[in-house]
Structure formats: structure tokens, C-alpha cells
Amino acid sequence: MASDEHGSPGGAPPPFEAEGPESEWKERLPRPERIARTMSAFANGVGGKIWVGVRDDGAVIGVADAAETAGELRRIASDLVAPSPALRVKTVRFARVALVVAEVGASEVRPVLAPGRDGRLAPFVRDGSSTRPAPRAIQRVWSRGASRVSLDARERRLLREIRLRAQDGTSGPDLKELARASRVGQRAARRALVQLQASGLVAERTAGHFGLTPEGHSRARRR
């Protein structure tokens, strides 16, 4: 029977999304602290899924003991993440093997903490398909509540355009591209970006290129 590059019979699409702000692939469970940091990042953002049994190249290899893997994921969420996030763990059969997926819900109480490299509890966020410590600017937004930041139509349009263009694996759009896509002048776009950065919704990933913070990603998804 024919199989695609993921090892699925008949070319059936895999059940998991590409790695990014809301999805993480693991061939097997790494150290518990690393999984805890990913859970913290998802809970501090818009939620996300950890798929165990998928290699970095997207190949499906499955897990040897789905029940044991699921139990370990629940233990990590309970023992190492504070406050413990909403977690749903299930086993998915695909390409004749078992995958385990842990779906982490977005937390209403932030920050959600996990052990850092120094062992101290700290908040984490997603940046594309990576997990990193939460910048102080984002922590300040949490302290005052980013949902209370009022955005005008131009700023909301810029958020949507950044979300569309800051795909995983790219440096994100620059000012010129954003101004053209949003149909505003570069000066007006620059002023809007300053406001969005001050609100903790947009961050400069590399020189002159912009991406969304977890709060910005959440706001950009709203209608």
C-alpha cells in the first residue's frame, strides 16, 4: 500500500498541524522541565498541542507505550507547571502507530510558570515554533491586562497583516511591506507599530522585521 512522506497509508493527511505558535512535535518525551516550559508557553498564549511520536522532519514513528506517555504528560502539568494548565491528553491512531497529543488550554490567569534552566520558576512564551522566556515587556502587559488595551482600526489591521505574513521560519514582515499591505503610509504604519510594541502586542524579531507576541497573536485572531 502506498504511503506518503509521513508514513500514512493511501496518502491520508496527518492529524497534527505544522510546528508553530500552537503546535510542537516530539519524537519522544524529553526532560520533564522542557515539556513543562512548552506547556507554560502555550498556557501563556492561545493554547497549543504537544504531539509525541512525531520526528522533527514530520515523520510519524509513534510511541511505545501510549498510556505511560499520557500519564507522564499529566504528571508534568500537575507537578511542574504553576498554576497547572487546563490539559486534555488523548491517544490518536495514525499510520498503524499510536501518537499521544496533549492539548494545553490558554490560561485566564497569567503568567503560568515552569522551571527555567536555573531551576527557578519563570514564565515562557512561544516565538514561532520555539519556546523562550517571556520578555519583561510582555510580563508588564500581563500585569495590567492586554485585553484592556484599546486598538484603532489601523492598529487592528496591522496586527492581522503581521499574523498573515509572520509565518513560522521567516523573520516576519518589515515596515515597507506592512504599510503596503495595510494601505497606509509608512509614517502612519510606523506610529501604529510603536503603539503596538508599547502595548506588548508586537515585537521586533530581527532588525526591521516584526512578529506577534502571544498576546498579539490572541488579539489578531479576534473578529
C-alpha atoms as a PDB file:
ATOM      1  CA  MET A   1       0.000   0.000   0.000  1.00  0.00           C
ATOM      2  CA  ALA A   2       1.371   3.406  -0.941  1.00  0.00           C
ATOM      3  CA  SER A   3       2.479   5.749   1.838  1.00  0.00           C
ATOM      4  CA  ASP A   4       3.262   9.477   1.876  1.00  0.00           C
ATOM      5  CA  GLU A   5       6.325  11.123   3.467  1.00  0.00           C
ATOM      6  CA  HIS A   6       4.683  10.887   6.892  1.00  0.00           C
ATOM      7  CA  GLY A   7       4.233   7.137   6.543  1.00  0.00           C
ATOM      8  CA  SER A   8       0.442   7.324   6.197  1.00  0.00           C
ATOM      9  CA  PRO A   9      -1.238   4.683   4.037  1.00  0.00           C
ATOM     10  CA  GLY A  10      -3.037   5.992   0.990  1.00  0.00           C
ATOM     11  CA  GLY A  11      -1.659   9.495   1.450  1.00  0.00           C
ATOM     12  CA  ALA A  12      -4.060  10.351   4.295  1.00  0.00           C
ATOM     13  CA  PRO A  13      -3.226  13.750   5.800  1.00  0.00           C
ATOM     14  CA  PRO A  14      -1.591  13.635   9.236  1.00  0.00           C
ATOM     15  CA  PRO A  15      -3.750  14.651  12.216  1.00  0.00           C
ATOM     16  CA  PHE A  16      -1.194  17.154  13.501  1.00  0.00           C
ATOM     17  CA  GLU A  17      -0.563  20.748  12.460  1.00  0.00           C
ATOM     18  CA  ALA A  18       2.805  22.150  11.376  1.00  0.00           C
ATOM     19  CA  GLU A  19       5.040  23.233  14.228  1.00  0.00           C
ATOM     20  CA  GLY A  20       4.403  26.847  15.183  1.00  0.00           C
ATOM     21  CA  PRO A  21       2.890  29.062  17.891  1.00  0.00           C
ATOM     22  CA  GLU A  22       0.216  26.440  18.652  1.00  0.00           C
ATOM     23  CA  SER A  23       1.917  23.130  17.849  1.00  0.00           C
ATOM     24  CA  GLU A  24       5.023  21.231  18.976  1.00  0.00           C
ATOM     25  CA  TRP A  25       6.323  17.852  17.757  1.00  0.00           C
ATOM     26  CA  LYS A  26       8.354  15.476  19.914  1.00  0.00           C
ATOM     27  CA  GLU A  27       9.888  12.185  18.782  1.00  0.00           C
ATOM     28  CA  ARG A  28       9.785  11.124  22.429  1.00  0.00           C
ATOM     29  CA  LEU A  29       9.363  12.912  25.723  1.00  0.00           C
ATOM     30  CA  PRO A  30      12.476  14.947  26.609  1.00  0.00           C
ATOM     31  CA  ARG A  31      13.344  16.025  30.152  1.00  0.00           C
ATOM     32  CA  PRO A  32      10.182  16.924  32.098  1.00  0.00           C
ATOM     33  CA  GLU A  33      11.341  20.522  32.576  1.00  0.00           C
ATOM     34  CA  ARG A  34      11.451  21.085  28.812  1.00  0.00           C
ATOM     35  CA  ILE A  35       7.897  19.838  28.360  1.00  0.00           C
ATOM     36  CA  ALA A  36       6.829  21.988  31.317  1.00  0.00           C
ATOM     37  CA  ARG A  37       8.271  25.074  29.617  1.00  0.00           C
ATOM     38  CA  THR A  38       6.343  24.299  26.435  1.00  0.00           C
ATOM     39  CA  MET A  39       3.155  23.884  28.463  1.00  0.00           C
ATOM     40  CA  SER A  40       3.841  27.227  30.162  1.00  0.00           C
ATOM     41  CA  ALA A  41       4.315  28.914  26.786  1.00  0.00           C
ATOM     42  CA  PHE A  42       1.079  27.504  25.362  1.00  0.00           C
ATOM     43  CA  ALA A  43      -0.875  28.424  28.502  1.00  0.00           C
ATOM     44  CA  ASN A  44       0.541  31.955  28.389  1.00  0.00           C
ATOM     45  CA  GLY A  45      -0.531  32.288  24.751  1.00  0.00           C
ATOM     46  CA  VAL A  46      -3.593  30.968  22.960  1.00  0.00           C
ATOM     47  CA  GLY A  47      -3.100  27.328  23.923  1.00  0.00           C
ATOM     48  CA  GLY A  48      -1.497  24.618  21.835  1.00  0.00           C
ATOM     49  CA  LYS A  49      -0.829  20.927  21.272  1.00  0.00           C
ATOM     50  CA  ILE A  50       2.202  18.783  22.027  1.00  0.00           C
ATOM     51  CA  TRP A  51       2.364  15.761  19.706  1.00  0.00           C
ATOM     52  CA  VAL A  52       4.556  12.883  20.914  1.00  0.00           C
ATOM     53  CA  GLY A  53       5.655  10.324  18.346  1.00  0.00           C
ATOM     54  CA  VAL A  54       6.472  12.760  15.519  1.00  0.00           C
ATOM     55  CA  ARG A  55      10.053  13.482  14.418  1.00  0.00           C
ATOM     56  CA  ASP A  56      11.336  16.974  13.640  1.00  0.00           C
ATOM     57  CA  ASP A  57      11.033  16.223   9.912  1.00  0.00           C
ATOM     58  CA  GLY A  58       7.347  15.321  10.323  1.00  0.00           C
ATOM     59  CA  ALA A  59       7.832  11.558  10.047  1.00  0.00           C
ATOM     60  CA  VAL A  60       5.428   9.548  12.201  1.00  0.00           C
ATOM     61  CA  ILE A  61       7.161   6.985  14.421  1.00  0.00           C
ATOM     62  CA  GLY A  62       4.622   6.614  17.233  1.00  0.00           C
ATOM     63  CA  VAL A  63       5.177   5.889  20.924  1.00  0.00           C
ATOM     64  CA  ALA A  64       5.977   2.548  22.516  1.00  0.00           C
ATOM     65  CA  ASP A  65       3.619   2.957  25.497  1.00  0.00           C
ATOM     66  CA  ALA A  66       0.813   5.473  24.958  1.00  0.00           C
ATOM     67  CA  ALA A  67      -0.647   5.083  28.452  1.00  0.00           C
ATOM     68  CA  GLU A  68       2.709   5.701  30.126  1.00  0.00           C
ATOM     69  CA  THR A  69       3.398   8.732  27.913  1.00  0.00           C
ATOM     70  CA  ALA A  70      -0.046  10.192  28.633  1.00  0.00           C
ATOM     71  CA  GLY A  71       0.433   9.683  32.365  1.00  0.00           C
ATOM     72  CA  GLU A  72       3.816  11.418  32.297  1.00  0.00           C
ATOM     73  CA  LEU A  73       2.356  14.431  30.472  1.00  0.00           C
ATOM     74  CA  ARG A  74      -0.377  14.747  33.112  1.00  0.00           C
ATOM     75  CA  ARG A  75       2.184  14.446  35.902  1.00  0.00           C
ATOM     76  CA  ILE A  76       4.375  17.175  34.376  1.00  0.00           C
ATOM     77  CA  ALA A  77       1.406  19.551  34.094  1.00  0.00           C
ATOM     78  CA  SER A  78       0.397  18.852  37.692  1.00  0.00           C
ATOM     79  CA  ASP A  79       3.817  18.868  39.351  1.00  0.00           C
ATOM     80  CA  LEU A  80       5.971  21.286  37.348  1.00  0.00           C
ATOM     81  CA  VAL A  81       3.636  23.954  35.914  1.00  0.00           C
ATOM     82  CA  ALA A  82       2.114  26.616  38.153  1.00  0.00           C
ATOM     83  CA  PRO A  83      -0.756  27.179  38.094  1.00  0.00           C
ATOM     84  CA  SER A  84      -1.462  23.821  36.454  1.00  0.00           C
ATOM     85  CA  PRO A  85      -2.933  24.458  32.991  1.00  0.00           C
ATOM     86  CA  ALA A  86      -6.117  23.027  31.572  1.00  0.00           C
ATOM     87  CA  LEU A  87      -4.914  19.819  29.923  1.00  0.00           C
ATOM     88  CA  ARG A  88      -6.544  17.218  27.712  1.00  0.00           C
ATOM     89  CA  VAL A  89      -4.441  14.181  26.765  1.00  0.00           C
ATOM     90  CA  LYS A  90      -5.519  11.544  24.277  1.00  0.00           C
ATOM     91  CA  THR A  91      -4.118   8.821  22.023  1.00  0.00           C
ATOM     92  CA  VAL A  92      -4.546   9.080  18.258  1.00  0.00           C
ATOM     93  CA  ARG A  93      -4.010   6.155  15.893  1.00  0.00           C
ATOM     94  CA  PHE A  94      -2.331   7.080  12.610  1.00  0.00           C
ATOM     95  CA  ALA A  95      -0.214   5.163  10.095  1.00  0.00           C
ATOM     96  CA  ARG A  96      -0.586   1.982  12.204  1.00  0.00           C
ATOM     97  CA  VAL A  97       1.054   3.574  15.255  1.00  0.00           C
ATOM     98  CA  ALA A  98      -0.113   5.453  18.347  1.00  0.00           C
ATOM     99  CA  LEU A  99       0.523   9.147  18.837  1.00  0.00           C
ATOM    100  CA  VAL A 100      -0.130  10.972  22.094  1.00  0.00           C
ATOM    101  CA  VAL A 101      -1.341  14.563  21.979  1.00  0.00           C
ATOM    102  CA  ALA A 102      -1.517  16.901  24.970  1.00  0.00           C
ATOM    103  CA  GLU A 103      -3.783  19.868  24.336  1.00  0.00           C
ATOM    104  CA  VAL A 104      -2.930  22.776  26.645  1.00  0.00           C
ATOM    105  CA  GLY A 105      -5.592  25.420  27.134  1.00  0.00           C
ATOM    106  CA  ALA A 106      -4.947  29.157  27.277  1.00  0.00           C
ATOM    107  CA  SER A 107      -4.873  30.296  30.875  1.00  0.00           C
ATOM    108  CA  GLU A 108      -7.043  33.132  32.163  1.00  0.00           C
ATOM    109  CA  VAL A 109      -4.538  33.680  34.989  1.00  0.00           C
ATOM    110  CA  ARG A 110      -1.091  34.715  33.759  1.00  0.00           C
ATOM    111  CA  PRO A 111       1.789  34.253  33.981  1.00  0.00           C
ATOM    112  CA  VAL A 112       1.922  30.468  34.048  1.00  0.00           C
ATOM    113  CA  LEU A 113       5.331  29.359  35.322  1.00  0.00           C
ATOM    114  CA  ALA A 114       7.695  26.430  34.726  1.00  0.00           C
ATOM    115  CA  PRO A 115      11.253  25.616  35.849  1.00  0.00           C
ATOM    116  CA  GLY A 116      13.877  27.599  33.938  1.00  0.00           C
ATOM    117  CA  ARG A 117      17.379  26.425  33.161  1.00  0.00           C
ATOM    118  CA  ASP A 118      18.489  27.658  36.593  1.00  0.00           C
ATOM    119  CA  GLY A 119      15.702  25.708  38.293  1.00  0.00           C
ATOM    120  CA  ARG A 120      13.700  28.793  39.235  1.00  0.00           C
ATOM    121  CA  LEU A 121      10.076  29.141  38.177  1.00  0.00           C
ATOM    122  CA  ALA A 122       9.663  31.570  35.268  1.00  0.00           C
ATOM    123  CA  PRO A 123       7.104  32.365  32.545  1.00  0.00           C
ATOM    124  CA  PHE A 124       7.638  31.207  28.951  1.00  0.00           C
ATOM    125  CA  VAL A 125       6.125  32.166  25.584  1.00  0.00           C
ATOM    126  CA  ARG A 126       6.128  30.852  22.025  1.00  0.00           C
ATOM    127  CA  ASP A 127       8.092  32.581  19.281  1.00  0.00           C
ATOM    128  CA  GLY A 128       7.181  30.766  16.078  1.00  0.00           C
ATOM    129  CA  SER A 129       7.985  27.115  16.787  1.00  0.00           C
ATOM    130  CA  SER A 130      10.361  27.933  19.658  1.00  0.00           C
ATOM    131  CA  THR A 131       9.780  28.318  23.394  1.00  0.00           C
ATOM    132  CA  ARG A 132      11.632  31.121  25.158  1.00  0.00           C
ATOM    133  CA  PRO A 133      11.497  33.088  28.432  1.00  0.00           C
ATOM    134  CA  ALA A 134       8.816  35.773  28.444  1.00  0.00           C
ATOM    135  CA  PRO A 135      10.296  39.258  27.879  1.00  0.00           C
ATOM    136  CA  ARG A 136       9.725  41.792  30.645  1.00  0.00           C
ATOM    137  CA  ALA A 137       7.561  43.889  28.304  1.00  0.00           C
ATOM    138  CA  ILE A 138       5.092  41.026  27.945  1.00  0.00           C
ATOM    139  CA  GLN A 139       5.096  40.448  31.693  1.00  0.00           C
ATOM    140  CA  ARG A 140       4.167  44.095  32.186  1.00  0.00           C
ATOM    141  CA  VAL A 141       1.268  43.630  29.763  1.00  0.00           C
ATOM    142  CA  TRP A 142       0.055  40.674  31.828  1.00  0.00           C
ATOM    143  CA  SER A 143       0.200  42.769  34.976  1.00  0.00           C
ATOM    144  CA  ARG A 144      -2.166  45.375  33.544  1.00  0.00           C
ATOM    145  CA  GLY A 145      -4.163  43.148  31.177  1.00  0.00           C
ATOM    146  CA  ALA A 146      -3.523  43.387  27.419  1.00  0.00           C
ATOM    147  CA  SER A 147      -7.193  42.690  26.728  1.00  0.00           C
ATOM    148  CA  ARG A 148      -7.898  46.178  28.067  1.00  0.00           C
ATOM    149  CA  VAL A 149      -5.589  47.825  25.521  1.00  0.00           C
ATOM    150  CA  SER A 150      -7.782  49.724  23.058  1.00  0.00           C
ATOM    151  CA  LEU A 151      -6.796  49.459  19.378  1.00  0.00           C
ATOM    152  CA  ASP A 152      -7.944  51.608  16.497  1.00  0.00           C
ATOM    153  CA  ALA A 153      -8.856  50.240  13.067  1.00  0.00           C
ATOM    154  CA  ARG A 154      -5.366  50.841  11.655  1.00  0.00           C
ATOM    155  CA  GLU A 155      -3.662  49.020  14.513  1.00  0.00           C
ATOM    156  CA  ARG A 156      -6.051  46.078  14.252  1.00  0.00           C
ATOM    157  CA  ARG A 157      -5.359  45.890  10.506  1.00  0.00           C
ATOM    158  CA  LEU A 158      -1.613  45.850  11.125  1.00  0.00           C
ATOM    159  CA  LEU A 159      -1.998  43.039  13.663  1.00  0.00           C
ATOM    160  CA  ARG A 160      -3.881  40.942  11.119  1.00  0.00           C
ATOM    161  CA  GLU A 161      -1.305  41.619   8.399  1.00  0.00           C
ATOM    162  CA  ILE A 162       1.583  40.662  10.675  1.00  0.00           C
ATOM    163  CA  ARG A 163      -0.188  37.432  11.605  1.00  0.00           C
ATOM    164  CA  LEU A 164      -0.683  36.595   7.924  1.00  0.00           C
ATOM    165  CA  ARG A 165       2.923  37.282   6.991  1.00  0.00           C
ATOM    166  CA  ALA A 166       4.942  36.255  10.050  1.00  0.00           C
ATOM    167  CA  GLN A 167       4.837  32.560   9.199  1.00  0.00           C
ATOM    168  CA  ASP A 168       6.959  30.080  11.056  1.00  0.00           C
ATOM    169  CA  GLY A 169      10.539  30.031   9.824  1.00  0.00           C
ATOM    170  CA  THR A 170      10.510  33.601   8.493  1.00  0.00           C
ATOM    171  CA  SER A 171      11.729  36.813  10.056  1.00  0.00           C
ATOM    172  CA  GLY A 172       8.346  38.480   9.629  1.00  0.00           C
ATOM    173  CA  PRO A 173       7.295  41.498   7.535  1.00  0.00           C
ATOM    174  CA  ASP A 174       9.155  44.800   7.542  1.00  0.00           C
ATOM    175  CA  LEU A 175       7.710  48.301   7.750  1.00  0.00           C
ATOM    176  CA  LYS A 176       7.518  48.816   3.979  1.00  0.00           C
ATOM    177  CA  GLU A 177       5.684  45.531   3.419  1.00  0.00           C
ATOM    178  CA  LEU A 178       3.240  46.236   6.247  1.00  0.00           C
ATOM    179  CA  ALA A 179       2.481  49.746   5.017  1.00  0.00           C
ATOM    180  CA  ARG A 180       1.789  48.440   1.503  1.00  0.00           C
ATOM    181  CA  ALA A 181      -0.374  45.544   2.704  1.00  0.00           C
ATOM    182  CA  SER A 182      -2.354  47.749   5.092  1.00  0.00           C
ATOM    183  CA  ARG A 183      -2.721  50.532   2.509  1.00  0.00           C
ATOM    184  CA  VAL A 184      -1.348  53.238   4.774  1.00  0.00           C
ATOM    185  CA  GLY A 185       1.713  55.451   4.528  1.00  0.00           C
ATOM    186  CA  GLN A 186       4.964  54.327   6.097  1.00  0.00           C
ATOM    187  CA  ARG A 187       4.863  57.152   8.640  1.00  0.00           C
ATOM    188  CA  ALA A 188       1.367  56.134   9.800  1.00  0.00           C
ATOM    189  CA  ALA A 189       2.383  52.474   9.885  1.00  0.00           C
ATOM    190  CA  ARG A 190       5.459  53.335  11.955  1.00  0.00           C
ATOM    191  CA  ARG A 191       3.340  55.227  14.507  1.00  0.00           C
ATOM    192  CA  ALA A 192       0.936  52.291  14.748  1.00  0.00           C
ATOM    193  CA  LEU A 193       3.807  49.825  15.225  1.00  0.00           C
ATOM    194  CA  VAL A 194       5.213  51.938  18.048  1.00  0.00           C
ATOM    195  CA  GLN A 195       1.838  51.786  19.799  1.00  0.00           C
ATOM    196  CA  LEU A 196       1.539  48.054  19.239  1.00  0.00           C
ATOM    197  CA  GLN A 197       5.037  47.458  20.606  1.00  0.00           C
ATOM    198  CA  ALA A 198       4.326  49.663  23.636  1.00  0.00           C
ATOM    199  CA  SER A 199       1.173  47.612  24.259  1.00  0.00           C
ATOM    200  CA  GLY A 200       3.189  44.387  24.218  1.00  0.00           C
ATOM    201  CA  LEU A 201       1.368  43.005  21.168  1.00  0.00           C
ATOM    202  CA  VAL A 202       4.161  43.254  18.570  1.00  0.00           C
ATOM    203  CA  ALA A 203       7.886  42.553  18.897  1.00  0.00           C
ATOM    204  CA  GLU A 204      10.803  43.214  16.570  1.00  0.00           C
ATOM    205  CA  ARG A 205      12.158  39.733  15.810  1.00  0.00           C
ATOM    206  CA  THR A 206      15.151  40.832  13.762  1.00  0.00           C
ATOM    207  CA  ALA A 207      16.265  44.275  12.677  1.00  0.00           C
ATOM    208  CA  GLY A 208      13.346  45.898  10.912  1.00  0.00           C
ATOM    209  CA  HIS A 209      11.110  42.795  10.872  1.00  0.00           C
ATOM    210  CA  PHE A 210       8.115  42.304  13.134  1.00  0.00           C
ATOM    211  CA  GLY A 211       6.234  39.414  14.709  1.00  0.00           C
ATOM    212  CA  LEU A 212       3.415  38.979  17.208  1.00  0.00           C
ATOM    213  CA  THR A 213       3.784  38.296  20.909  1.00  0.00           C
ATOM    214  CA  PRO A 214       1.432  35.648  22.364  1.00  0.00           C
ATOM    215  CA  GLU A 215      -0.986  38.416  23.400  1.00  0.00           C
ATOM    216  CA  GLY A 216      -0.751  39.954  19.938  1.00  0.00           C
ATOM    217  CA  HIS A 217      -1.448  36.579  18.354  1.00  0.00           C
ATOM    218  CA  SER A 218      -4.550  36.243  20.531  1.00  0.00           C
ATOM    219  CA  ARG A 219      -5.798  39.723  19.659  1.00  0.00           C
ATOM    220  CA  ALA A 220      -5.158  39.220  15.927  1.00  0.00           C
ATOM    221  CA  ARG A 221      -7.390  36.128  15.927  1.00  0.00           C
ATOM    222  CA  ARG A 222     -10.405  38.052  17.176  1.00  0.00           C
ATOM    223  CA  ARG A 223     -13.069  39.191  14.775  1.00  0.00           C
END
